[in-house]
Amino acid sequence: MRVIPCLLTILCLCTTMPRPVKAQESMEEKIDGVFDRIESLISHTATRLTNFLVTVARIAYGTMILLGVVTWLTGFWGGRAGTRLIISGIMLAAVAEFVAL
């Protein structure tokens, strides 16, 4: 008959006692965490840099094509420069949009 109160006491003590604190992280887990942070930082920086460069390339090829059309239509610089600007702008547009994918 004394077994049931003893089991209830043990059960109550097990549920109310604080859980043991998890042992500190091992050195391997700390190093892994540092490398994970470095990897995410590099990935984030590369993504932002790529987006910035694509934006700059879009501005550049838009300007090149616009100046090429204006130069070609006016015949300024012999008209040949306008054609080269248009072709160069189209090539830059293809590369920039390919990288943006």
PDB file of N, CA and C in Angstrom:
ATOM      1  N   MET A   1       0.796  -1.189   0.000  1.00  0.00           N
ATOM      2  CA  MET A   1       0.000   0.000   0.000  1.00  0.00           C
ATOM      3  C   MET A   1       0.845   1.262   0.000  1.00  0.00           C
ATOM      4  N   ARG A   2       2.058   1.158   0.471  1.00  0.00           N
ATOM      5  CA  ARG A   2       2.918   2.338   0.490  1.00  0.00           C
ATOM      6  C   ARG A   2       3.576   2.567  -0.867  1.00  0.00           C
ATOM      7  N   VAL A   3       3.422   1.649  -1.772  1.00  0.00           N
ATOM      8  CA  VAL A   3       4.058   1.752  -3.082  1.00  0.00           C
ATOM      9  C   VAL A   3       3.398   2.850  -3.911  1.00  0.00           C
ATOM     10  N   ILE A   4       2.106   2.936  -3.880  1.00  0.00           N
ATOM     11  CA  ILE A   4       1.383   3.908  -4.707  1.00  0.00           C
ATOM     12  C   ILE A   4       1.731   5.341  -4.303  1.00  0.00           C
ATOM     13  N   PRO A   5       1.738   5.698  -3.002  1.00  0.00           N
ATOM     14  CA  PRO A   5       2.151   7.062  -2.666  1.00  0.00           C
ATOM     15  C   PRO A   5       3.601   7.353  -3.061  1.00  0.00           C
ATOM     16  N   CYS A   6       4.464   6.381  -2.941  1.00  0.00           N
ATOM     17  CA  CYS A   6       5.866   6.578  -3.343  1.00  0.00           C
ATOM     18  C   CYS A   6       5.975   6.821  -4.850  1.00  0.00           C
ATOM     19  N   LEU A   7       5.226   6.057  -5.648  1.00  0.00           N
ATOM     20  CA  LEU A   7       5.242   6.254  -7.102  1.00  0.00           C
ATOM     21  C   LEU A   7       4.656   7.612  -7.479  1.00  0.00           C
ATOM     22  N   LEU A   8       3.588   8.011  -6.804  1.00  0.00           N
ATOM     23  CA  LEU A   8       2.998   9.333  -7.073  1.00  0.00           C
ATOM     24  C   LEU A   8       3.963  10.454  -6.713  1.00  0.00           C
ATOM     25  N   THR A   9       4.689  10.275  -5.603  1.00  0.00           N
ATOM     26  CA  THR A   9       5.681  11.279  -5.203  1.00  0.00           C
ATOM     27  C   THR A   9       6.798  11.372  -6.236  1.00  0.00           C
ATOM     28  N   ILE A  10       7.265  10.246  -6.693  1.00  0.00           N
ATOM     29  CA  ILE A  10       8.329  10.238  -7.709  1.00  0.00           C
ATOM     30  C   ILE A  10       7.832  10.863  -9.010  1.00  0.00           C
ATOM     31  N   LEU A  11       6.600  10.546  -9.387  1.00  0.00           N
ATOM     32  CA  LEU A  11       6.034  11.117 -10.604  1.00  0.00           C
ATOM     33  C   LEU A  11       5.902  12.626 -10.495  1.00  0.00           C
ATOM     34  N   CYS A  12       5.431  13.106  -9.341  1.00  0.00           N
ATOM     35  CA  CYS A  12       5.303  14.555  -9.142  1.00  0.00           C
ATOM     36  C   CYS A  12       6.661  15.241  -9.150  1.00  0.00           C
ATOM     37  N   LEU A  13       7.640  14.624  -8.524  1.00  0.00           N
ATOM     38  CA  LEU A  13       8.976  15.206  -8.512  1.00  0.00           C
ATOM     39  C   LEU A  13       9.575  15.265  -9.917  1.00  0.00           C
ATOM     40  N   CYS A  14       9.324  14.230 -10.713  1.00  0.00           N
ATOM     41  CA  CYS A  14       9.874  14.201 -12.074  1.00  0.00           C
ATOM     42  C   CYS A  14       9.253  15.289 -12.957  1.00  0.00           C
ATOM     43  N   THR A  15       7.978  15.568 -12.741  1.00  0.00           N
ATOM     44  CA  THR A  15       7.320  16.559 -13.599  1.00  0.00           C
ATOM     45  C   THR A  15       7.565  17.977 -13.142  1.00  0.00           C
ATOM     46  N   THR A  16       7.861  18.185 -11.850  1.00  0.00           N
ATOM     47  CA  THR A  16       8.046  19.552 -11.354  1.00  0.00           C
ATOM     48  C   THR A  16       9.501  19.980 -11.286  1.00  0.00           C
ATOM     49  N   MET A  17      10.414  19.045 -11.309  1.00  0.00           N
ATOM     50  CA  MET A  17      11.828  19.413 -11.241  1.00  0.00           C
ATOM     51  C   MET A  17      12.259  20.050 -12.554  1.00  0.00           C
ATOM     52  N   PRO A  18      13.136  21.036 -12.463  1.00  0.00           N
ATOM     53  CA  PRO A  18      13.616  21.644 -13.711  1.00  0.00           C
ATOM     54  C   PRO A  18      14.431  20.646 -14.519  1.00  0.00           C
ATOM     55  N   ARG A  19      14.325  20.801 -15.822  1.00  0.00           N
ATOM     56  CA  ARG A  19      15.068  19.917 -16.718  1.00  0.00           C
ATOM     57  C   ARG A  19      16.549  20.232 -16.631  1.00  0.00           C
ATOM     58  N   PRO A  20      17.365  19.231 -16.782  1.00  0.00           N
ATOM     59  CA  PRO A  20      18.806  19.521 -16.762  1.00  0.00           C
ATOM     60  C   PRO A  20      19.177  20.396 -17.959  1.00  0.00           C
ATOM     61  N   VAL A  21      20.064  21.317 -17.715  1.00  0.00           N
ATOM     62  CA  VAL A  21      20.494  22.238 -18.764  1.00  0.00           C
ATOM     63  C   VAL A  21      21.319  21.477 -19.784  1.00  0.00           C
ATOM     64  N   LYS A  22      21.039  21.773 -21.054  1.00  0.00           N
ATOM     65  CA  LYS A  22      21.784  21.111 -22.127  1.00  0.00           C
ATOM     66  C   LYS A  22      23.260  21.495 -22.021  1.00  0.00           C
ATOM     67  N   ALA A  23      24.086  20.535 -22.242  1.00  0.00           N
ATOM     68  CA  ALA A  23      25.518  20.800 -22.187  1.00  0.00           C
ATOM     69  C   ALA A  23      25.880  21.846 -23.236  1.00  0.00           C
ATOM     70  N   GLN A  24      26.914  22.578 -22.945  1.00  0.00           N
ATOM     71  CA  GLN A  24      27.333  23.610 -23.884  1.00  0.00           C
ATOM     72  C   GLN A  24      27.634  23.001 -25.245  1.00  0.00           C
ATOM     73  N   GLU A  25      27.496  23.864 -26.258  1.00  0.00           N
ATOM     74  CA  GLU A  25      27.782  23.388 -27.608  1.00  0.00           C
ATOM     75  C   GLU A  25      29.228  22.914 -27.704  1.00  0.00           C
ATOM     76  N   SER A  26      29.388  21.886 -28.474  1.00  0.00           N
ATOM     77  CA  SER A  26      30.748  21.412 -28.675  1.00  0.00           C
ATOM     78  C   SER A  26      31.476  22.378 -29.607  1.00  0.00           C
ATOM     79  N   MET A  27      32.763  22.284 -29.613  1.00  0.00           N
ATOM     80  CA  MET A  27      33.574  23.165 -30.449  1.00  0.00           C
ATOM     81  C   MET A  27      33.227  22.953 -31.922  1.00  0.00           C
ATOM     82  N   GLU A  28      32.924  21.723 -32.297  1.00  0.00           N
ATOM     83  CA  GLU A  28      32.568  21.424 -33.690  1.00  0.00           C
ATOM     84  C   GLU A  28      31.284  22.149 -34.090  1.00  0.00           C
ATOM     85  N   GLU A  29      30.290  22.192 -33.196  1.00  0.00           N
ATOM     86  CA  GLU A  29      29.044  22.890 -33.495  1.00  0.00           C
ATOM     87  C   GLU A  29      29.259  24.392 -33.587  1.00  0.00           C
ATOM     88  N   LYS A  30      30.127  24.940 -32.749  1.00  0.00           N
ATOM     89  CA  LYS A  30      30.426  26.373 -32.811  1.00  0.00           C
ATOM     90  C   LYS A  30      31.097  26.730 -34.130  1.00  0.00           C
ATOM     91  N   ILE A  31      32.064  25.928 -34.523  1.00  0.00           N
ATOM     92  CA  ILE A  31      32.766  26.185 -35.787  1.00  0.00           C
ATOM     93  C   ILE A  31      31.804  26.052 -36.959  1.00  0.00           C
ATOM     94  N   ASP A  32      30.933  25.047 -36.902  1.00  0.00           N
ATOM     95  CA  ASP A  32      29.939  24.866 -37.957  1.00  0.00           C
ATOM     96  C   ASP A  32      29.003  26.068 -38.035  1.00  0.00           C
ATOM     97  N   GLY A  33      28.616  26.605 -36.891  1.00  0.00           N
ATOM     98  CA  GLY A  33      27.763  27.790 -36.863  1.00  0.00           C
ATOM     99  C   GLY A  33      28.452  29.005 -37.465  1.00  0.00           C
ATOM    100  N   VAL A  34      29.736  29.164 -37.162  1.00  0.00           N
ATOM    101  CA  VAL A  34      30.500  30.289 -37.725  1.00  0.00           C
ATOM    102  C   VAL A  34      30.574  30.164 -39.237  1.00  0.00           C
ATOM    103  N   PHE A  35      30.845  28.955 -39.738  1.00  0.00           N
ATOM    104  CA  PHE A  35      30.931  28.773 -41.190  1.00  0.00           C
ATOM    105  C   PHE A  35      29.564  28.956 -41.851  1.00  0.00           C
ATOM    106  N   ASP A  36      28.489  28.566 -41.174  1.00  0.00           N
ATOM    107  CA  ASP A  36      27.150  28.802 -41.720  1.00  0.00           C
ATOM    108  C   ASP A  36      26.866  30.293 -41.849  1.00  0.00           C
ATOM    109  N   ARG A  37      27.260  31.059 -40.836  1.00  0.00           N
ATOM    110  CA  ARG A  37      27.063  32.514 -40.899  1.00  0.00           C
ATOM    111  C   ARG A  37      27.890  33.139 -42.015  1.00  0.00           C
ATOM    112  N   ILE A  38      29.133  32.698 -42.160  1.00  0.00           N
ATOM    113  CA  ILE A  38      29.993  33.227 -43.219  1.00  0.00           C
ATOM    114  C   ILE A  38      29.409  32.888 -44.586  1.00  0.00           C
ATOM    115  N   GLU A  39      28.935  31.657 -44.741  1.00  0.00           N
ATOM    116  CA  GLU A  39      28.347  31.238 -46.013  1.00  0.00           C
ATOM    117  C   GLU A  39      27.102  32.059 -46.344  1.00  0.00           C
ATOM    118  N   SER A  40      26.245  32.293 -45.367  1.00  0.00           N
ATOM    119  CA  SER A  40      25.039  33.080 -45.637  1.00  0.00           C
ATOM    120  C   SER A  40      25.391  34.532 -45.940  1.00  0.00           C
ATOM    121  N   LEU A  41      26.421  35.075 -45.285  1.00  0.00           N
ATOM    122  CA  LEU A  41      26.857  36.441 -45.562  1.00  0.00           C
ATOM    123  C   LEU A  41      27.392  36.561 -46.988  1.00  0.00           C
ATOM    124  N   ILE A  42      28.214  35.613 -47.399  1.00  0.00           N
ATOM    125  CA  ILE A  42      28.768  35.640 -48.756  1.00  0.00           C
ATOM    126  C   ILE A  42      27.661  35.481 -49.786  1.00  0.00           C
ATOM    127  N   SER A  43      26.731  34.591 -49.534  1.00  0.00           N
ATOM    128  CA  SER A  43      25.618  34.376 -50.461  1.00  0.00           C
ATOM    129  C   SER A  43      24.762  35.631 -50.590  1.00  0.00           C
ATOM    130  N   HIS A  44      24.469  36.261 -49.464  1.00  0.00           N
ATOM    131  CA  HIS A  44      23.666  37.488 -49.477  1.00  0.00           C
ATOM    132  C   HIS A  44      24.395  38.607 -50.213  1.00  0.00           C
ATOM    133  N   THR A  45      25.686  38.748 -49.949  1.00  0.00           N
ATOM    134  CA  THR A  45      26.478  39.790 -50.611  1.00  0.00           C
ATOM    135  C   THR A  45      26.555  39.555 -52.114  1.00  0.00           C
ATOM    136  N   ALA A  46      26.752  38.309 -52.525  1.00  0.00           N
ATOM    137  CA  ALA A  46      26.831  37.999 -53.953  1.00  0.00           C
ATOM    138  C   ALA A  46      25.501  38.276 -54.651  1.00  0.00           C
ATOM    139  N   THR A  47      24.400  37.957 -54.003  1.00  0.00           N
ATOM    140  CA  THR A  47      23.092  38.218 -54.593  1.00  0.00           C
ATOM    141  C   THR A  47      22.857  39.711 -54.755  1.00  0.00           C
ATOM    142  N   ARG A  48      23.172  40.482 -53.722  1.00  0.00           N
ATOM    143  CA  ARG A  48      22.973  41.933 -53.803  1.00  0.00           C
ATOM    144  C   ARG A  48      23.885  42.553 -54.859  1.00  0.00           C
ATOM    145  N   LEU A  49      25.129  42.089 -54.946  1.00  0.00           N
ATOM    146  CA  LEU A  49      26.069  42.613 -55.931  1.00  0.00           C
ATOM    147  C   LEU A  49      25.604  42.287 -57.348  1.00  0.00           C
ATOM    148  N   THR A  50      25.116  41.065 -57.555  1.00  0.00           N
ATOM    149  CA  THR A  50      24.611  40.683 -58.870  1.00  0.00           C
ATOM    150  C   THR A  50      23.421  41.540 -59.268  1.00  0.00           C
ATOM    151  N   ASN A  51      22.506  41.753 -58.342  1.00  0.00           N
ATOM    152  CA  ASN A  51      21.339  42.598 -58.635  1.00  0.00           C
ATOM    153  C   ASN A  51      21.754  44.026 -58.968  1.00  0.00           C
ATOM    154  N   PHE A  52      22.744  44.551 -58.233  1.00  0.00           N
ATOM    155  CA  PHE A  52      23.235  45.897 -58.510  1.00  0.00           C
ATOM    156  C   PHE A  52      23.869  45.975 -59.897  1.00  0.00           C
ATOM    157  N   LEU A  53      24.703  45.005 -60.236  1.00  0.00           N
ATOM    158  CA  LEU A  53      25.380  45.027 -61.530  1.00  0.00           C
ATOM    159  C   LEU A  53      24.391  44.865 -62.691  1.00  0.00           C
ATOM    160  N   VAL A  54      23.357  44.056 -62.496  1.00  0.00           N
ATOM    161  CA  VAL A  54      22.340  43.904 -63.537  1.00  0.00           C
ATOM    162  C   VAL A  54      21.594  45.217 -63.729  1.00  0.00           C
ATOM    163  N   THR A  55      21.299  45.919 -62.628  1.00  0.00           N
ATOM    164  CA  THR A  55      20.627  47.215 -62.741  1.00  0.00           C
ATOM    165  C   THR A  55      21.496  48.225 -63.487  1.00  0.00           C
ATOM    166  N   VAL A  56      22.782  48.258 -63.167  1.00  0.00           N
ATOM    167  CA  VAL A  56      23.703  49.168 -63.862  1.00  0.00           C
ATOM    168  C   VAL A  56      23.785  48.800 -65.344  1.00  0.00           C
ATOM    169  N   ALA A  57      23.842  47.512 -65.651  1.00  0.00           N
ATOM    170  CA  ALA A  57      23.917  47.081 -67.054  1.00  0.00           C
ATOM    171  C   ALA A  57      22.642  47.454 -67.797  1.00  0.00           C
ATOM    172  N   ARG A  58      21.482  47.359 -67.133  1.00  0.00           N
ATOM    173  CA  ARG A  58      20.226  47.748 -67.787  1.00  0.00           C
ATOM    174  C   ARG A  58      20.212  49.235 -68.113  1.00  0.00           C
ATOM    175  N   ILE A  59      20.696  50.030 -67.187  1.00  0.00           N
ATOM    176  CA  ILE A  59      20.782  51.479 -67.454  1.00  0.00           C
ATOM    177  C   ILE A  59      21.744  51.732 -68.612  1.00  0.00           C
ATOM    178  N   ALA A  60      22.870  51.035 -68.603  1.00  0.00           N
ATOM    179  CA  ALA A  60      23.884  51.243 -69.645  1.00  0.00           C
ATOM    180  C   ALA A  60      23.366  50.836 -71.018  1.00  0.00           C
ATOM    181  N   TYR A  61      22.728  49.657 -71.134  1.00  0.00           N
ATOM    182  CA  TYR A  61      22.287  49.241 -72.465  1.00  0.00           C
ATOM    183  C   TYR A  61      21.101  50.062 -72.937  1.00  0.00           C
ATOM    184  N   GLY A  62      20.275  50.518 -72.030  1.00  0.00           N
ATOM    185  CA  GLY A  62      19.184  51.407 -72.440  1.00  0.00           C
ATOM    186  C   GLY A  62      19.709  52.716 -73.000  1.00  0.00           C
ATOM    187  N   THR A  63      20.702  53.262 -72.308  1.00  0.00           N
ATOM    188  CA  THR A  63      21.324  54.507 -72.765  1.00  0.00           C
ATOM    189  C   THR A  63      22.061  54.297 -74.080  1.00  0.00           C
ATOM    190  N   MET A  64      22.764  53.185 -74.206  1.00  0.00           N
ATOM    191  CA  MET A  64      23.497  52.920 -75.449  1.00  0.00           C
ATOM    192  C   MET A  64      22.551  52.794 -76.639  1.00  0.00           C
ATOM    193  N   ILE A  65      21.466  52.066 -76.448  1.00  0.00           N
ATOM    194  CA  ILE A  65      20.525  51.892 -77.562  1.00  0.00           C
ATOM    195  C   ILE A  65      19.868  53.221 -77.916  1.00  0.00           C
ATOM    196  N   LEU A  66      19.476  53.997 -76.907  1.00  0.00           N
ATOM    197  CA  LEU A  66      18.854  55.298 -77.170  1.00  0.00           C
ATOM    198  C   LEU A  66      19.815  56.234 -77.895  1.00  0.00           C
ATOM    199  N   LEU A  67      21.053  56.324 -77.414  1.00  0.00           N
ATOM    200  CA  LEU A  67      22.042  57.170 -78.095  1.00  0.00           C
ATOM    201  C   LEU A  67      22.365  56.644 -79.488  1.00  0.00           C
ATOM    202  N   GLY A  68      22.389  55.329 -79.634  1.00  0.00           N
ATOM    203  CA  GLY A  68      22.643  54.749 -80.949  1.00  0.00           C
ATOM    204  C   GLY A  68      21.553  55.096 -81.948  1.00  0.00           C
ATOM    205  N   VAL A  69      20.306  55.030 -81.504  1.00  0.00           N
ATOM    206  CA  VAL A  69      19.192  55.379 -82.401  1.00  0.00           C
ATOM    207  C   VAL A  69      19.242  56.854 -82.766  1.00  0.00           C
ATOM    208  N   VAL A  70      19.476  57.708 -81.761  1.00  0.00           N
ATOM    209  CA  VAL A  70      19.554  59.150 -82.035  1.00  0.00           C
ATOM    210  C   VAL A  70      20.721  59.448 -82.969  1.00  0.00           C
ATOM    211  N   THR A  71      21.870  58.871 -82.703  1.00  0.00           N
ATOM    212  CA  THR A  71      23.045  59.109 -83.547  1.00  0.00           C
ATOM    213  C   THR A  71      22.824  58.571 -84.956  1.00  0.00           C
ATOM    214  N   TRP A  72      22.203  57.418 -85.070  1.00  0.00           N
ATOM    215  CA  TRP A  72      21.948  56.823 -86.376  1.00  0.00           C
ATOM    216  C   TRP A  72      20.943  57.661 -87.178  1.00  0.00           C
ATOM    217  N   LEU A  73      19.905  58.147 -86.503  1.00  0.00           N
ATOM    218  CA  LEU A  73      18.892  58.948 -87.205  1.00  0.00           C
ATOM    219  C   LEU A  73      19.423  60.317 -87.621  1.00  0.00           C
ATOM    220  N   THR A  74      20.264  60.922 -86.812  1.00  0.00           N
ATOM    221  CA  THR A  74      20.785  62.253 -87.150  1.00  0.00           C
ATOM    222  C   THR A  74      21.985  62.182 -88.072  1.00  0.00           C
ATOM    223  N   GLY A  75      22.607  61.044 -88.171  1.00  0.00           N
ATOM    224  CA  GLY A  75      23.787  60.922 -89.017  1.00  0.00           C
ATOM    225  C   GLY A  75      25.024  61.510 -88.368  1.00  0.00           C
ATOM    226  N   PHE A  76      24.952  61.827 -87.103  1.00  0.00           N
ATOM    227  CA  PHE A  76      26.081  62.376 -86.374  1.00  0.00           C
ATOM    228  C   PHE A  76      27.160  61.312 -86.289  1.00  0.00           C
ATOM    229  N   TRP A  77      28.405  61.681 -86.399  1.00  0.00           N
ATOM    230  CA  TRP A  77      29.568  60.792 -86.429  1.00  0.00           C
ATOM    231  C   TRP A  77      29.483  59.820 -87.597  1.00  0.00           C
ATOM    232  N   GLY A  78      28.887  60.231 -88.651  1.00  0.00           N
ATOM    233  CA  GLY A  78      28.851  59.425 -89.867  1.00  0.00           C
ATOM    234  C   GLY A  78      27.811  58.322 -89.851  1.00  0.00           C
ATOM    235  N   GLY A  79      26.995  58.203 -88.845  1.00  0.00           N
ATOM    236  CA  GLY A  79      25.950  57.192 -88.786  1.00  0.00           C
ATOM    237  C   GLY A  79      26.451  55.808 -88.398  1.00  0.00           C
ATOM    238  N   ARG A  80      27.716  55.575 -88.610  1.00  0.00           N
ATOM    239  CA  ARG A  80      28.281  54.263 -88.297  1.00  0.00           C
ATOM    240  C   ARG A  80      28.373  54.038 -86.789  1.00  0.00           C
ATOM    241  N   ALA A  81      28.640  55.103 -86.053  1.00  0.00           N
ATOM    242  CA  ALA A  81      28.737  54.999 -84.596  1.00  0.00           C
ATOM    243  C   ALA A  81      27.391  54.613 -83.994  1.00  0.00           C
ATOM    244  N   GLY A  82      26.312  55.118 -84.588  1.00  0.00           N
ATOM    245  CA  GLY A  82      24.983  54.778 -84.093  1.00  0.00           C
ATOM    246  C   GLY A  82      24.693  53.296 -84.232  1.00  0.00           C
ATOM    247  N   THR A  83      25.073  52.735 -85.380  1.00  0.00           N
ATOM    248  CA  THR A  83      24.871  51.306 -85.597  1.00  0.00           C
ATOM    249  C   THR A  83      25.676  50.488 -84.601  1.00  0.00           C
ATOM    250  N   ARG A  84      26.904  50.893 -84.365  1.00  0.00           N
ATOM    251  CA  ARG A  84      27.743  50.165 -83.406  1.00  0.00           C
ATOM    252  C   ARG A  84      27.188  50.268 -81.980  1.00  0.00           C
ATOM    253  N   LEU A  85      26.669  51.446 -81.627  1.00  0.00           N
ATOM    254  CA  LEU A  85      26.077  51.604 -80.300  1.00  0.00           C
ATOM    255  C   LEU A  85      24.835  50.726 -80.133  1.00  0.00           C
ATOM    256  N   ILE A  86      24.028  50.656 -81.166  1.00  0.00           N
ATOM    257  CA  ILE A  86      22.827  49.821 -81.102  1.00  0.00           C
ATOM    258  C   ILE A  86      23.201  48.348 -80.957  1.00  0.00           C
ATOM    259  N   ILE A  87      24.143  47.888 -81.761  1.00  0.00           N
ATOM    260  CA  ILE A  87      24.567  46.482 -81.695  1.00  0.00           C
ATOM    261  C   ILE A  87      25.195  46.172 -80.339  1.00  0.00           C
ATOM    262  N   SER A  88      26.040  47.070 -79.854  1.00  0.00           N
ATOM    263  CA  SER A  88      26.666  46.861 -78.543  1.00  0.00           C
ATOM    264  C   SER A  88      25.628  46.863 -77.429  1.00  0.00           C
ATOM    265  N   GLY A  89      24.637  47.744 -77.527  1.00  0.00           N
ATOM    266  CA  GLY A  89      23.574  47.791 -76.534  1.00  0.00           C
ATOM    267  C   GLY A  89      22.755  46.513 -76.517  1.00  0.00           C
ATOM    268  N   ILE A  90      22.476  45.967 -77.691  1.00  0.00           N
ATOM    269  CA  ILE A  90      21.723  44.707 -77.776  1.00  0.00           C
ATOM    270  C   ILE A  90      22.534  43.555 -77.182  1.00  0.00           C
ATOM    271  N   MET A  91      23.833  43.533 -77.458  1.00  0.00           N
ATOM    272  CA  MET A  91      24.677  42.474 -76.889  1.00  0.00           C
ATOM    273  C   MET A  91      24.742  42.580 -75.361  1.00  0.00           C
ATOM    274  N   LEU A  92      24.890  43.804 -74.856  1.00  0.00           N
ATOM    275  CA  LEU A  92      24.919  44.011 -73.417  1.00  0.00           C
ATOM    276  C   LEU A  92      23.576  43.637 -72.784  1.00  0.00           C
ATOM    277  N   ALA A  93      22.483  43.916 -73.486  1.00  0.00           N
ATOM    278  CA  ALA A  93      21.151  43.562 -72.992  1.00  0.00           C
ATOM    279  C   ALA A  93      21.013  42.042 -72.896  1.00  0.00           C
ATOM    280  N   ALA A  94      21.497  41.329 -73.885  1.00  0.00           N
ATOM    281  CA  ALA A  94      21.404  39.864 -73.864  1.00  0.00           C
ATOM    282  C   ALA A  94      22.193  39.296 -72.685  1.00  0.00           C
ATOM    283  N   VAL A  95      23.387  39.796 -72.466  1.00  0.00           N
ATOM    284  CA  VAL A  95      24.210  39.306 -71.360  1.00  0.00           C
ATOM    285  C   VAL A  95      23.585  39.650 -70.004  1.00  0.00           C
ATOM    286  N   ALA A  96      23.113  40.888 -69.869  1.00  0.00           N
ATOM    287  CA  ALA A  96      22.532  41.330 -68.585  1.00  0.00           C
ATOM    288  C   ALA A  96      21.271  40.541 -68.254  1.00  0.00           C
ATOM    289  N   GLU A  97      20.426  40.317 -69.241  1.00  0.00           N
ATOM    290  CA  GLU A  97      19.184  39.586 -68.969  1.00  0.00           C
ATOM    291  C   GLU A  97      19.452  38.101 -68.753  1.00  0.00           C
ATOM    292  N   PHE A  98      20.495  37.565 -69.376  1.00  0.00           N
ATOM    293  CA  PHE A  98      20.869  36.177 -69.112  1.00  0.00           C
ATOM    294  C   PHE A  98      21.352  36.003 -67.681  1.00  0.00           C
ATOM    295  N   VAL A  99      22.153  36.959 -67.204  1.00  0.00           N
ATOM    296  CA  VAL A  99      22.651  36.911 -65.829  1.00  0.00           C
ATOM    297  C   VAL A  99      21.523  37.115 -64.832  1.00  0.00           C
ATOM    298  N   ALA A 100      20.527  37.924 -65.203  1.00  0.00           N
ATOM    299  CA  ALA A 100      19.410  38.227 -64.296  1.00  0.00           C
ATOM    300  C   ALA A 100      18.505  37.017 -64.088  1.00  0.00           C
ATOM    301  N   LEU A 101      18.565  36.033 -64.989  1.00  0.00           N
ATOM    302  CA  LEU A 101      17.711  34.859 -64.818  1.00  0.00           C
ATOM    303  C   LEU A 101      18.095  34.144 -63.606  1.00  0.00           C
TER     304      LEU A 101
END
